[in-house]
All heavy atoms as atom14 arrays in JSON, in Angstrom:
{
  "sequence": "PIIVHMQLADVPARNEPGTGELGWEFIFRRIDALGYQGWVGCEYRPAG",
  "atom14_mask": [
    [1, 1, 1, 1, 1, 1, 1, 0, 0, 0, 0, 0, 0, 0],
    [1, 1, 1, 1, 1, 1, 1, 1, 0, 0, 0, 0, 0, 0],
    [1, 1, 1, 1, 1, 1, 1, 1, 0, 0, 0, 0, 0, 0],
    [1, 1, 1, 1, 1, 1, 1, 0, 0, 0, 0, 0, 0, 0],
    [1, 1, 1, 1, 1, 1, 1, 1, 1, 1, 0, 0, 0, 0],
    [1, 1, 1, 1, 1, 1, 1, 1, 0, 0, 0, 0, 0, 0],
    [1, 1, 1, 1, 1, 1, 1, 1, 1, 0, 0, 0, 0, 0],
    [1, 1, 1, 1, 1, 1, 1, 1, 0, 0, 0, 0, 0, 0],
    [1, 1, 1, 1, 1, 0, 0, 0, 0, 0, 0, 0, 0, 0],
    [1, 1, 1, 1, 1, 1, 1, 1, 0, 0, 0, 0, 0, 0],
    [1, 1, 1, 1, 1, 1, 1, 0, 0, 0, 0, 0, 0, 0],
    [1, 1, 1, 1, 1, 1, 1, 0, 0, 0, 0, 0, 0, 0],
    [1, 1, 1, 1, 1, 0, 0, 0, 0, 0, 0, 0, 0, 0],
    [1, 1, 1, 1, 1, 1, 1, 1, 1, 1, 1, 0, 0, 0],
    [1, 1, 1, 1, 1, 1, 1, 1, 0, 0, 0, 0, 0, 0],
    [1, 1, 1, 1, 1, 1, 1, 1, 1, 0, 0, 0, 0, 0],
    [1, 1, 1, 1, 1, 1, 1, 0, 0, 0, 0, 0, 0, 0],
    [1, 1, 1, 1, 0, 0, 0, 0, 0, 0, 0, 0, 0, 0],
    [1, 1, 1, 1, 1, 1, 1, 0, 0, 0, 0, 0, 0, 0],
    [1, 1, 1, 1, 0, 0, 0, 0, 0, 0, 0, 0, 0, 0],
    [1, 1, 1, 1, 1, 1, 1, 1, 1, 0, 0, 0, 0, 0],
    [1, 1, 1, 1, 1, 1, 1, 1, 0, 0, 0, 0, 0, 0],
    [1, 1, 1, 1, 0, 0, 0, 0, 0, 0, 0, 0, 0, 0],
    [1, 1, 1, 1, 1, 1, 1, 1, 1, 1, 1, 1, 1, 1],
    [1, 1, 1, 1, 1, 1, 1, 1, 1, 0, 0, 0, 0, 0],
    [1, 1, 1, 1, 1, 1, 1, 1, 1, 1, 1, 0, 0, 0],
    [1, 1, 1, 1, 1, 1, 1, 1, 0, 0, 0, 0, 0, 0],
    [1, 1, 1, 1, 1, 1, 1, 1, 1, 1, 1, 0, 0, 0],
    [1, 1, 1, 1, 1, 1, 1, 1, 1, 1, 1, 0, 0, 0],
    [1, 1, 1, 1, 1, 1, 1, 1, 1, 1, 1, 0, 0, 0],
    [1, 1, 1, 1, 1, 1, 1, 1, 0, 0, 0, 0, 0, 0],
    [1, 1, 1, 1, 1, 1, 1, 1, 0, 0, 0, 0, 0, 0],
    [1, 1, 1, 1, 1, 0, 0, 0, 0, 0, 0, 0, 0, 0],
    [1, 1, 1, 1, 1, 1, 1, 1, 0, 0, 0, 0, 0, 0],
    [1, 1, 1, 1, 0, 0, 0, 0, 0, 0, 0, 0, 0, 0],
    [1, 1, 1, 1, 1, 1, 1, 1, 1, 1, 1, 1, 0, 0],
    [1, 1, 1, 1, 1, 1, 1, 1, 1, 0, 0, 0, 0, 0],
    [1, 1, 1, 1, 0, 0, 0, 0, 0, 0, 0, 0, 0, 0],
    [1, 1, 1, 1, 1, 1, 1, 1, 1, 1, 1, 1, 1, 1],
    [1, 1, 1, 1, 1, 1, 1, 0, 0, 0, 0, 0, 0, 0],
    [1, 1, 1, 1, 0, 0, 0, 0, 0, 0, 0, 0, 0, 0],
    [1, 1, 1, 1, 1, 1, 0, 0, 0, 0, 0, 0, 0, 0],
    [1, 1, 1, 1, 1, 1, 1, 1, 1, 0, 0, 0, 0, 0],
    [1, 1, 1, 1, 1, 1, 1, 1, 1, 1, 1, 1, 0, 0],
    [1, 1, 1, 1, 1, 1, 1, 1, 1, 1, 1, 0, 0, 0],
    [1, 1, 1, 1, 1, 1, 1, 0, 0, 0, 0, 0, 0, 0],
    [1, 1, 1, 1, 1, 0, 0, 0, 0, 0, 0, 0, 0, 0],
    [1, 1, 1, 1, 0, 0, 0, 0, 0, 0, 0, 0, 0, 0]
  ],
  "atom14_positions": [
    [[269.2, 129.96, 106.55], [268.54, 129.62, 107.82], [269.49, 129.49, 109.02], [269.04, 129.62, 110.16], [267.85, 128.29, 107.51], [267.62, 128.31, 106.04], [268.83, 129.0, 105.48], [0.0, 0.0, 0.0], [0.0, 0.0, 0.0], [0.0, 0.0, 0.0], [0.0, 0.0, 0.0], [0.0, 0.0, 0.0], [0.0, 0.0, 0.0], [0.0, 0.0, 0.0]],
    [[270.78, 129.24, 108.77], [271.71, 129.07, 109.89], [272.73, 130.19, 109.99], [273.61, 130.16, 110.85], [272.44, 127.71, 109.82], [273.23, 127.57, 108.51], [271.46, 126.56, 110.0], [274.15, 126.36, 108.48], [0.0, 0.0, 0.0], [0.0, 0.0, 0.0], [0.0, 0.0, 0.0], [0.0, 0.0, 0.0], [0.0, 0.0, 0.0], [0.0, 0.0, 0.0]],
    [[272.63, 131.21, 109.12], [273.58, 132.33, 109.17], [273.2, 133.26, 110.3], [272.09, 133.79, 110.35], [273.62, 133.08, 107.83], [274.18, 132.18, 106.72], [274.47, 134.35, 107.95], [274.12, 132.8, 105.33], [0.0, 0.0, 0.0], [0.0, 0.0, 0.0], [0.0, 0.0, 0.0], [0.0, 0.0, 0.0], [0.0, 0.0, 0.0], [0.0, 0.0, 0.0]],
    [[274.14, 133.48, 111.22], [273.89, 134.37, 112.36], [274.68, 135.68, 112.26], [274.42, 136.61, 113.02], [274.21, 133.67, 113.7], [273.25, 132.53, 113.94], [275.67, 133.18, 113.73], [0.0, 0.0, 0.0], [0.0, 0.0, 0.0], [0.0, 0.0, 0.0], [0.0, 0.0, 0.0], [0.0, 0.0, 0.0], [0.0, 0.0, 0.0], [0.0, 0.0, 0.0]],
    [[275.64, 135.72, 111.35], [276.43, 136.93, 111.17], [277.05, 136.87, 109.78], [277.36, 135.78, 109.27], [277.55, 137.03, 112.22], [278.25, 138.36, 112.25], [277.65, 139.51, 112.7], [279.51, 138.72, 111.89], [278.51, 140.52, 112.62], [279.63, 140.07, 112.13], [0.0, 0.0, 0.0], [0.0, 0.0, 0.0], [0.0, 0.0, 0.0], [0.0, 0.0, 0.0]],
    [[277.23, 138.04, 109.17], [277.9, 138.12, 107.88], [279.03, 139.14, 107.96], [279.02, 140.04, 108.81], [276.92, 138.51, 106.77], [275.8, 137.5, 106.57], [274.72, 137.91, 105.18], [275.81, 137.51, 103.81], [0.0, 0.0, 0.0], [0.0, 0.0, 0.0], [0.0, 0.0, 0.0], [0.0, 0.0, 0.0], [0.0, 0.0, 0.0], [0.0, 0.0, 0.0]],
    [[280.01, 138.97, 107.09], [281.11, 139.93, 106.97], [281.42, 140.15, 105.5], [281.15, 139.28, 104.66], [282.35, 139.42, 107.72], [282.18, 139.42, 109.23], [283.35, 138.81, 109.96], [283.91, 137.81, 109.52], [283.7, 139.37, 111.1], [0.0, 0.0, 0.0], [0.0, 0.0, 0.0], [0.0, 0.0, 0.0], [0.0, 0.0, 0.0], [0.0, 0.0, 0.0]],
    [[281.99, 141.31, 105.21], [282.28, 141.64, 103.82], [283.66, 142.24, 103.65], [284.23, 142.84, 104.56], [281.21, 142.6, 103.27], [281.03, 143.98, 103.92], [282.12, 144.99, 103.54], [279.67, 144.55, 103.55], [0.0, 0.0, 0.0], [0.0, 0.0, 0.0], [0.0, 0.0, 0.0], [0.0, 0.0, 0.0], [0.0, 0.0, 0.0], [0.0, 0.0, 0.0]],
    [[284.2, 142.03, 102.47], [285.4, 142.68, 101.95], [285.47, 142.28, 100.49], [284.96, 141.22, 100.1], [286.66, 142.23, 102.68], [0.0, 0.0, 0.0], [0.0, 0.0, 0.0], [0.0, 0.0, 0.0], [0.0, 0.0, 0.0], [0.0, 0.0, 0.0], [0.0, 0.0, 0.0], [0.0, 0.0, 0.0], [0.0, 0.0, 0.0], [0.0, 0.0, 0.0]],
    [[286.06, 143.12, 99.68], [286.18, 142.79, 98.26], [287.37, 141.87, 98.04], [288.27, 141.74, 98.89], [286.28, 144.05, 97.4], [285.54, 143.92, 96.07], [285.46, 142.8, 95.55], [285.05, 144.94, 95.57], [0.0, 0.0, 0.0], [0.0, 0.0, 0.0], [0.0, 0.0, 0.0], [0.0, 0.0, 0.0], [0.0, 0.0, 0.0], [0.0, 0.0, 0.0]],
    [[287.37, 141.23, 96.88], [288.4, 140.26, 96.5], [289.11, 140.81, 95.26], [288.44, 141.31, 94.36], [287.74, 138.89, 96.2], [288.78, 137.86, 95.77], [286.96, 138.39, 97.43], [0.0, 0.0, 0.0], [0.0, 0.0, 0.0], [0.0, 0.0, 0.0], [0.0, 0.0, 0.0], [0.0, 0.0, 0.0], [0.0, 0.0, 0.0], [0.0, 0.0, 0.0]],
    [[290.43, 140.75, 95.19], [291.33, 139.9, 95.98], [292.05, 140.57, 97.14], [292.65, 139.88, 97.95], [292.37, 139.48, 94.94], [292.49, 140.68, 94.04], [291.09, 141.25, 93.96], [0.0, 0.0, 0.0], [0.0, 0.0, 0.0], [0.0, 0.0, 0.0], [0.0, 0.0, 0.0], [0.0, 0.0, 0.0], [0.0, 0.0, 0.0], [0.0, 0.0, 0.0]],
    [[292.02, 141.89, 97.26], [292.92, 142.57, 98.2], [292.33, 142.8, 99.59], [292.99, 143.35, 100.45], [293.38, 143.91, 97.62], [0.0, 0.0, 0.0], [0.0, 0.0, 0.0], [0.0, 0.0, 0.0], [0.0, 0.0, 0.0], [0.0, 0.0, 0.0], [0.0, 0.0, 0.0], [0.0, 0.0, 0.0], [0.0, 0.0, 0.0], [0.0, 0.0, 0.0]],
    [[291.1, 142.38, 99.82], [290.41, 142.55, 101.09], [290.22, 144.02, 101.45], [290.26, 144.41, 102.62], [291.1, 141.8, 102.23], [290.15, 141.46, 103.38], [290.76, 140.52, 104.39], [289.73, 140.04, 105.32], [289.93, 139.12, 106.24], [291.12, 138.56, 106.38], [288.93, 138.73, 107.02], [0.0, 0.0, 0.0], [0.0, 0.0, 0.0], [0.0, 0.0, 0.0]],
    [[289.98, 144.83, 100.45], [289.66, 146.23, 100.67], [288.14, 146.42, 100.64], [287.39, 145.45, 100.59], [290.34, 147.11, 99.61], [291.85, 147.01, 99.62], [292.47, 147.01, 98.56], [292.45, 146.92, 100.79], [0.0, 0.0, 0.0], [0.0, 0.0, 0.0], [0.0, 0.0, 0.0], [0.0, 0.0, 0.0], [0.0, 0.0, 0.0], [0.0, 0.0, 0.0]],
    [[287.68, 147.69, 100.65], [286.26, 147.98, 100.72], [285.54, 147.56, 99.43], [286.16, 147.42, 98.37], [286.03, 149.47, 101.0], [286.76, 150.4, 100.06], [288.06, 150.89, 100.66], [288.95, 150.06, 100.91], [288.2, 152.11, 100.88], [0.0, 0.0, 0.0], [0.0, 0.0, 0.0], [0.0, 0.0, 0.0], [0.0, 0.0, 0.0], [0.0, 0.0, 0.0]],
    [[284.22, 147.35, 99.52], [283.44, 147.03, 98.33], [283.64, 148.05, 97.21], [283.71, 149.25, 97.46], [282.0, 147.05, 98.85], [282.12, 146.66, 100.29], [283.39, 147.33, 100.75], [0.0, 0.0, 0.0], [0.0, 0.0, 0.0], [0.0, 0.0, 0.0], [0.0, 0.0, 0.0], [0.0, 0.0, 0.0], [0.0, 0.0, 0.0], [0.0, 0.0, 0.0]],
    [[283.74, 147.53, 95.99], [283.95, 148.39, 94.84], [285.38, 148.48, 94.4], [285.69, 149.13, 93.4], [0.0, 0.0, 0.0], [0.0, 0.0, 0.0], [0.0, 0.0, 0.0], [0.0, 0.0, 0.0], [0.0, 0.0, 0.0], [0.0, 0.0, 0.0], [0.0, 0.0, 0.0], [0.0, 0.0, 0.0], [0.0, 0.0, 0.0], [0.0, 0.0, 0.0]],
    [[286.29, 147.82, 95.11], [287.71, 147.87, 94.76], [288.19, 146.58, 94.1], [289.36, 146.48, 93.74], [288.57, 148.11, 96.02], [288.3, 147.06, 96.97], [288.25, 149.45, 96.65], [0.0, 0.0, 0.0], [0.0, 0.0, 0.0], [0.0, 0.0, 0.0], [0.0, 0.0, 0.0], [0.0, 0.0, 0.0], [0.0, 0.0, 0.0], [0.0, 0.0, 0.0]],
    [[287.29, 145.62, 93.93], [287.72, 144.33, 93.41], [286.72, 143.72, 92.45], [286.02, 144.42, 91.72], [0.0, 0.0, 0.0], [0.0, 0.0, 0.0], [0.0, 0.0, 0.0], [0.0, 0.0, 0.0], [0.0, 0.0, 0.0], [0.0, 0.0, 0.0], [0.0, 0.0, 0.0], [0.0, 0.0, 0.0], [0.0, 0.0, 0.0], [0.0, 0.0, 0.0]],
    [[286.6, 142.4, 92.5], [285.91, 141.66, 91.46], [284.43, 141.38, 91.74], [283.71, 140.9, 90.84], [286.62, 140.31, 91.24], [286.51, 139.34, 92.4], [287.45, 138.14, 92.26], [288.56, 138.32, 91.75], [287.06, 137.04, 92.66], [0.0, 0.0, 0.0], [0.0, 0.0, 0.0], [0.0, 0.0, 0.0], [0.0, 0.0, 0.0], [0.0, 0.0, 0.0]],
    [[283.96, 141.63, 92.93], [282.61, 141.22, 93.3], [281.54, 142.23, 92.85], [281.79, 143.43, 92.81], [282.52, 141.01, 94.81], [283.24, 139.77, 95.33], [283.34, 139.8, 96.85], [282.53, 138.5, 94.88], [0.0, 0.0, 0.0], [0.0, 0.0, 0.0], [0.0, 0.0, 0.0], [0.0, 0.0, 0.0], [0.0, 0.0, 0.0], [0.0, 0.0, 0.0]],
    [[280.35, 141.71, 92.54], [279.22, 142.53, 92.12], [278.37, 142.91, 93.31], [277.39, 142.23, 93.64], [0.0, 0.0, 0.0], [0.0, 0.0, 0.0], [0.0, 0.0, 0.0], [0.0, 0.0, 0.0], [0.0, 0.0, 0.0], [0.0, 0.0, 0.0], [0.0, 0.0, 0.0], [0.0, 0.0, 0.0], [0.0, 0.0, 0.0], [0.0, 0.0, 0.0]],
    [[278.72, 144.01, 93.97], [278.09, 144.34, 95.25], [276.64, 144.76, 95.13], [275.84, 144.53, 96.05], [278.92, 145.38, 95.98], [280.22, 144.8, 96.45], [281.44, 144.92, 95.87], [280.39, 143.93, 97.58], [282.38, 144.19, 96.57], [281.76, 143.57, 97.62], [279.53, 143.43, 98.55], [282.28, 142.75, 98.59], [280.04, 142.59, 99.53], [281.41, 142.26, 99.55]],
    [[276.26, 145.41, 94.04], [274.86, 145.78, 93.9], [273.98, 144.54, 94.01], [272.97, 144.53, 94.72], [274.62, 146.48, 92.56], [275.29, 147.82, 92.4], [276.66, 147.72, 91.74], [277.23, 146.61, 91.72], [277.14, 148.76, 91.26], [0.0, 0.0, 0.0], [0.0, 0.0, 0.0], [0.0, 0.0, 0.0], [0.0, 0.0, 0.0], [0.0, 0.0, 0.0]],
    [[274.37, 143.49, 93.3], [273.59, 142.26, 93.33], [273.66, 141.57, 94.69], [272.65, 141.1, 95.21], [274.09, 141.3, 92.23], [273.26, 140.05, 92.13], [272.03, 140.07, 91.5], [273.71, 138.85, 92.66], [271.26, 138.93, 91.41], [272.94, 137.7, 92.58], [271.71, 137.74, 91.95], [0.0, 0.0, 0.0], [0.0, 0.0, 0.0], [0.0, 0.0, 0.0]],
    [[274.85, 141.53, 95.27], [275.0, 140.89, 96.58], [274.12, 141.56, 97.62], [273.4, 140.89, 98.38], [276.48, 140.91, 97.02], [277.3, 139.94, 96.15], [276.6, 140.53, 98.5], [278.79, 140.02, 96.39], [0.0, 0.0, 0.0], [0.0, 0.0, 0.0], [0.0, 0.0, 0.0], [0.0, 0.0, 0.0], [0.0, 0.0, 0.0], [0.0, 0.0, 0.0]],
    [[274.13, 142.88, 97.7], [273.31, 143.58, 98.69], [271.82, 143.36, 98.42], [271.03, 143.23, 99.37], [273.66, 145.06, 98.71], [275.0, 145.36, 99.32], [275.89, 146.24, 98.69], [275.38, 144.78, 100.51], [277.13, 146.53, 99.26], [276.62, 145.06, 101.08], [277.5, 145.93, 100.45], [0.0, 0.0, 0.0], [0.0, 0.0, 0.0], [0.0, 0.0, 0.0]],
    [[271.42, 143.34, 97.16], [270.01, 143.06, 96.85], [269.61, 141.67, 97.33], [268.51, 141.47, 97.86], [269.76, 143.19, 95.35], [269.73, 144.6, 94.82], [268.96, 144.7, 93.5], [269.47, 143.79, 92.49], [270.45, 144.08, 91.62], [271.02, 145.28, 91.67], [270.84, 143.21, 90.72], [0.0, 0.0, 0.0], [0.0, 0.0, 0.0], [0.0, 0.0, 0.0]],
    [[270.5, 140.69, 97.15], [270.18, 139.32, 97.57], [270.11, 139.21, 99.09], [269.28, 138.48, 99.62], [271.22, 138.34, 97.01], [271.12, 138.1, 95.53], [269.73, 137.61, 95.13], [269.45, 136.27, 95.64], [268.22, 135.82, 95.89], [267.16, 136.61, 95.72], [268.05, 134.59, 96.34], [0.0, 0.0, 0.0], [0.0, 0.0, 0.0], [0.0, 0.0, 0.0]],
    [[270.99, 139.9, 99.79], [270.93, 139.87, 101.26], [269.56, 140.36, 101.72], [268.92, 139.75, 102.59], [272.06, 140.73, 101.86], [273.42, 140.06, 101.61], [271.83, 140.93, 103.36], [274.61, 140.92, 102.03], [0.0, 0.0, 0.0], [0.0, 0.0, 0.0], [0.0, 0.0, 0.0], [0.0, 0.0, 0.0], [0.0, 0.0, 0.0], [0.0, 0.0, 0.0]],
    [[269.08, 141.44, 101.12], [267.76, 141.96, 101.47], [266.66, 140.99, 101.07], [265.74, 140.7, 101.85], [267.53, 143.31, 100.8], [268.26, 144.45, 101.48], [268.69, 144.28, 102.64], [268.42, 145.51, 100.86], [0.0, 0.0, 0.0], [0.0, 0.0, 0.0], [0.0, 0.0, 0.0], [0.0, 0.0, 0.0], [0.0, 0.0, 0.0], [0.0, 0.0, 0.0]],
    [[266.74, 140.48, 99.84], [265.68, 139.61, 99.32], [265.57, 138.32, 100.13], [264.47, 137.75, 100.26], [265.95, 139.29, 97.85], [0.0, 0.0, 0.0], [0.0, 0.0, 0.0], [0.0, 0.0, 0.0], [0.0, 0.0, 0.0], [0.0, 0.0, 0.0], [0.0, 0.0, 0.0], [0.0, 0.0, 0.0], [0.0, 0.0, 0.0], [0.0, 0.0, 0.0]],
    [[266.69, 137.85, 100.66], [266.68, 136.62, 101.44], [266.22, 136.84, 102.88], [266.11, 135.89, 103.66], [268.08, 135.98, 101.42], [268.52, 135.42, 100.07], [270.01, 135.07, 100.1], [267.68, 134.2, 99.69], [0.0, 0.0, 0.0], [0.0, 0.0, 0.0], [0.0, 0.0, 0.0], [0.0, 0.0, 0.0], [0.0, 0.0, 0.0], [0.0, 0.0, 0.0]],
    [[265.97, 138.09, 103.23], [265.4, 138.39, 104.54], [266.38, 138.35, 105.7], [265.96, 138.19, 106.86], [0.0, 0.0, 0.0], [0.0, 0.0, 0.0], [0.0, 0.0, 0.0], [0.0, 0.0, 0.0], [0.0, 0.0, 0.0], [0.0, 0.0, 0.0], [0.0, 0.0, 0.0], [0.0, 0.0, 0.0], [0.0, 0.0, 0.0], [0.0, 0.0, 0.0]],
    [[267.66, 138.53, 105.41], [268.65, 138.49, 106.49], [268.43, 139.66, 107.44], [268.34, 140.82, 107.02], [270.06, 138.54, 105.89], [271.15, 138.59, 106.93], [271.38, 137.51, 107.76], [271.95, 139.72, 107.06], [272.39, 137.55, 108.72], [272.96, 139.77, 108.01], [273.17, 138.69, 108.84], [274.17, 138.74, 109.79], [0.0, 0.0, 0.0], [0.0, 0.0, 0.0]],
    [[268.37, 139.37, 108.73], [268.08, 140.39, 109.73], [269.27, 140.72, 110.63], [269.18, 141.59, 111.49], [266.92, 139.93, 110.61], [265.62, 139.73, 109.84], [265.11, 141.03, 109.24], [265.01, 142.06, 109.9], [264.79, 140.99, 107.95], [0.0, 0.0, 0.0], [0.0, 0.0, 0.0], [0.0, 0.0, 0.0], [0.0, 0.0, 0.0], [0.0, 0.0, 0.0]],
    [[270.39, 140.0, 110.48], [271.53, 140.21, 111.34], [272.42, 141.36, 110.88], [272.06, 142.15, 110.0], [0.0, 0.0, 0.0], [0.0, 0.0, 0.0], [0.0, 0.0, 0.0], [0.0, 0.0, 0.0], [0.0, 0.0, 0.0], [0.0, 0.0, 0.0], [0.0, 0.0, 0.0], [0.0, 0.0, 0.0], [0.0, 0.0, 0.0], [0.0, 0.0, 0.0]],
    [[273.6, 141.44, 111.48], [274.56, 142.48, 111.14], [275.53, 141.98, 110.07], [275.79, 140.78, 109.97], [275.33, 142.91, 112.38], [274.49, 143.63, 113.38], [273.82, 143.09, 114.45], [274.22, 145.04, 113.41], [273.14, 144.06, 115.13], [273.37, 145.27, 114.53], [274.61, 146.11, 112.62], [272.9, 146.53, 114.84], [274.16, 147.37, 112.95], [273.32, 147.59, 114.05]],
    [[276.06, 142.93, 109.3], [277.11, 142.65, 108.32], [278.35, 143.42, 108.75], [278.38, 144.66, 108.71], [276.69, 143.07, 106.89], [277.81, 142.77, 105.9], [275.4, 142.36, 106.48], [0.0, 0.0, 0.0], [0.0, 0.0, 0.0], [0.0, 0.0, 0.0], [0.0, 0.0, 0.0], [0.0, 0.0, 0.0], [0.0, 0.0, 0.0], [0.0, 0.0, 0.0]],
    [[279.36, 142.7, 109.19], [280.59, 143.33, 109.65], [281.47, 143.75, 108.49], [281.71, 142.98, 107.56], [0.0, 0.0, 0.0], [0.0, 0.0, 0.0], [0.0, 0.0, 0.0], [0.0, 0.0, 0.0], [0.0, 0.0, 0.0], [0.0, 0.0, 0.0], [0.0, 0.0, 0.0], [0.0, 0.0, 0.0], [0.0, 0.0, 0.0], [0.0, 0.0, 0.0]],
    [[281.95, 144.98, 108.55], [282.84, 145.5, 107.5], [284.28, 145.11, 107.86], [285.07, 145.94, 108.34], [282.69, 147.01, 107.4], [281.02, 147.53, 106.94], [0.0, 0.0, 0.0], [0.0, 0.0, 0.0], [0.0, 0.0, 0.0], [0.0, 0.0, 0.0], [0.0, 0.0, 0.0], [0.0, 0.0, 0.0], [0.0, 0.0, 0.0], [0.0, 0.0, 0.0]],
    [[284.6, 143.87, 107.61], [285.91, 143.33, 107.98], [286.87, 143.47, 106.79], [287.29, 142.48, 106.19], [285.79, 141.88, 108.43], [287.05, 141.4, 109.15], [287.02, 139.92, 109.5], [286.46, 139.13, 108.71], [287.57, 139.56, 110.55], [0.0, 0.0, 0.0], [0.0, 0.0, 0.0], [0.0, 0.0, 0.0], [0.0, 0.0, 0.0], [0.0, 0.0, 0.0]],
    [[287.17, 144.7, 106.46], [288.07, 144.96, 105.33], [289.17, 145.92, 105.75], [289.05, 146.65, 106.73], [287.28, 145.51, 104.14], [286.65, 146.87, 104.33], [287.4, 148.05, 104.21], [285.28, 146.99, 104.58], [286.82, 149.29, 104.36], [284.69, 148.24, 104.73], [285.46, 149.4, 104.61], [284.89, 150.63, 104.76], [0.0, 0.0, 0.0], [0.0, 0.0, 0.0]],
    [[290.23, 145.9, 104.96], [291.34, 146.84, 105.16], [291.12, 148.03, 104.23], [291.19, 147.87, 103.0], [292.68, 146.18, 104.85], [292.97, 144.94, 105.67], [294.36, 144.39, 105.35], [294.6, 143.13, 106.0], [294.41, 141.93, 105.46], [293.98, 141.85, 104.2], [294.64, 140.82, 106.13], [0.0, 0.0, 0.0], [0.0, 0.0, 0.0], [0.0, 0.0, 0.0]],
    [[290.86, 149.2, 104.74], [290.65, 150.35, 103.86], [291.83, 150.55, 102.92], [292.99, 150.48, 103.33], [290.51, 151.52, 104.84], [289.99, 150.89, 106.1], [290.67, 149.56, 106.17], [0.0, 0.0, 0.0], [0.0, 0.0, 0.0], [0.0, 0.0, 0.0], [0.0, 0.0, 0.0], [0.0, 0.0, 0.0], [0.0, 0.0, 0.0], [0.0, 0.0, 0.0]],
    [[291.51, 150.8, 101.66], [292.57, 151.0, 100.66], [293.33, 152.3, 100.91], [294.48, 152.44, 100.51], [291.97, 151.0, 99.26], [0.0, 0.0, 0.0], [0.0, 0.0, 0.0], [0.0, 0.0, 0.0], [0.0, 0.0, 0.0], [0.0, 0.0, 0.0], [0.0, 0.0, 0.0], [0.0, 0.0, 0.0], [0.0, 0.0, 0.0], [0.0, 0.0, 0.0]],
    [[292.66, 153.24, 101.57], [293.27, 154.51, 101.92], [292.8, 154.93, 103.3], [292.72, 154.1, 104.21], [0.0, 0.0, 0.0], [0.0, 0.0, 0.0], [0.0, 0.0, 0.0], [0.0, 0.0, 0.0], [0.0, 0.0, 0.0], [0.0, 0.0, 0.0], [0.0, 0.0, 0.0], [0.0, 0.0, 0.0], [0.0, 0.0, 0.0], [0.0, 0.0, 0.0]]
  ]
}
């Protein structure tokens, strides 16, 4: 209810999704299911 912006990067190296430990399929489904309407900033360092 108080989230006005989101940002993403994978862990631990702060690269793009799919390069680390997080389960992005589930995370993206939850963002949609929770009705988030704002922007998601891709605040990651590209691995290449």
